[in-house]
Amino acid sequence: MAALPPNVHVSTHPCLQAKLSQLRSASTSSRETKQLVHEIATIIGCEALAKGLSIEETGT
């Protein structure tokens, strides 16, 4: 596999990997697909927000 650009993040979150496997399944209904896409987007959004957050000491 070729090296990825530095701005590409590959998630290894086990819940995300499980949901992607379910999404790829041929037996997944359209309703399940919609729900899985929503759940995947939530996980990716949380990862993106967590990466951008920093802890700042206030001294109190």
C-alpha atoms as a PDB file:
ATOM      1  CA  MET A   1       0.000   0.000   0.000  1.00  0.00           C
ATOM      2  CA  ALA A   2       1.304   3.450  -0.896  1.00  0.00           C
ATOM      3  CA  ALA A   3       2.018   5.967   1.836  1.00  0.00           C
ATOM      4  CA  LEU A   4      -0.918   8.230   2.601  1.00  0.00           C
ATOM      5  CA  PRO A   5      -0.651  12.029   2.619  1.00  0.00           C
ATOM      6  CA  PRO A   6      -0.128  13.603   6.055  1.00  0.00           C
ATOM      7  CA  ASN A   7      -3.647  15.083   6.072  1.00  0.00           C
ATOM      8  CA  VAL A   8      -5.313  11.635   5.832  1.00  0.00           C
ATOM      9  CA  HIS A   9      -6.374   9.904   9.049  1.00  0.00           C
ATOM     10  CA  VAL A  10      -7.187   6.191   9.081  1.00  0.00           C
ATOM     11  CA  SER A  11      -9.408   5.350  12.020  1.00  0.00           C
ATOM     12  CA  THR A  12      -8.780   2.111  13.875  1.00  0.00           C
ATOM     13  CA  HIS A  13     -11.742   2.506  16.239  1.00  0.00           C
ATOM     14  CA  PRO A  14     -13.265  -0.978  16.711  1.00  0.00           C
ATOM     15  CA  CYS A  15     -16.868   0.299  16.699  1.00  0.00           C
ATOM     16  CA  LEU A  16     -16.258   2.141  13.441  1.00  0.00           C
ATOM     17  CA  GLN A  17     -14.700  -0.938  11.847  1.00  0.00           C
ATOM     18  CA  ALA A  18     -17.677  -3.080  12.919  1.00  0.00           C
ATOM     19  CA  LYS A  19     -20.185  -0.579  11.511  1.00  0.00           C
ATOM     20  CA  LEU A  20     -18.268  -0.374   8.226  1.00  0.00           C
ATOM     21  CA  SER A  21     -18.387  -4.171   7.966  1.00  0.00           C
ATOM     22  CA  GLN A  22     -22.156  -4.105   8.529  1.00  0.00           C
ATOM     23  CA  LEU A  23     -22.493  -1.352   5.911  1.00  0.00           C
ATOM     24  CA  ARG A  24     -20.595  -3.456   3.338  1.00  0.00           C
ATOM     25  CA  SER A  25     -22.844  -6.473   3.901  1.00  0.00           C
ATOM     26  CA  ALA A  26     -25.167  -7.302   1.014  1.00  0.00           C
ATOM     27  CA  SER A  27     -27.923  -8.178   3.497  1.00  0.00           C
ATOM     28  CA  THR A  28     -28.037  -4.663   5.007  1.00  0.00           C
ATOM     29  CA  SER A  29     -31.426  -3.028   4.385  1.00  0.00           C
ATOM     30  CA  SER A  30     -31.813   0.583   3.278  1.00  0.00           C
ATOM     31  CA  ARG A  31     -33.104   1.510   6.742  1.00  0.00           C
ATOM     32  CA  GLU A  32     -30.048  -0.085   8.391  1.00  0.00           C
ATOM     33  CA  THR A  33     -27.784   1.658   5.865  1.00  0.00           C
ATOM     34  CA  LYS A  34     -29.202   5.052   6.806  1.00  0.00           C
ATOM     35  CA  GLN A  35     -28.757   4.323  10.529  1.00  0.00           C
ATOM     36  CA  LEU A  36     -25.216   3.007  10.039  1.00  0.00           C
ATOM     37  CA  VAL A  37     -24.189   6.069   8.016  1.00  0.00           C
ATOM     38  CA  HIS A  38     -25.495   8.287  10.826  1.00  0.00           C
ATOM     39  CA  GLU A  39     -23.598   6.292  13.476  1.00  0.00           C
ATOM     40  CA  ILE A  40     -20.395   6.269  11.398  1.00  0.00           C
ATOM     41  CA  ALA A  41     -20.619  10.035  10.894  1.00  0.00           C
ATOM     42  CA  THR A  42     -21.045  10.515  14.651  1.00  0.00           C
ATOM     43  CA  ILE A  43     -17.945   8.449  15.442  1.00  0.00           C
ATOM     44  CA  ILE A  44     -15.859  10.232  12.797  1.00  0.00           C
ATOM     45  CA  GLY A  45     -17.089  13.609  14.054  1.00  0.00           C
ATOM     46  CA  CYS A  46     -16.147  12.748  17.636  1.00  0.00           C
ATOM     47  CA  GLU A  47     -12.679  11.641  16.544  1.00  0.00           C
ATOM     48  CA  ALA A  48     -12.183  14.846  14.562  1.00  0.00           C
ATOM     49  CA  LEU A  49     -13.322  17.045  17.444  1.00  0.00           C
ATOM     50  CA  ALA A  50     -11.200  15.180  19.990  1.00  0.00           C
ATOM     51  CA  LYS A  51      -8.095  15.576  17.855  1.00  0.00           C
ATOM     52  CA  GLY A  52      -8.601  19.344  17.650  1.00  0.00           C
ATOM     53  CA  LEU A  53      -9.234  19.892  21.358  1.00  0.00           C
ATOM     54  CA  SER A  54      -6.514  20.815  23.797  1.00  0.00           C
ATOM     55  CA  ILE A  55      -6.388  21.075  27.577  1.00  0.00           C
ATOM     56  CA  GLU A  56      -5.350  24.401  28.998  1.00  0.00           C
ATOM     57  CA  GLU A  57      -4.370  24.900  32.642  1.00  0.00           C
ATOM     58  CA  THR A  58      -6.159  27.849  34.242  1.00  0.00           C
ATOM     59  CA  GLY A  59      -4.103  27.917  37.410  1.00  0.00           C
ATOM     60  CA  THR A  60      -7.060  27.600  39.786  1.00  0.00           C
END
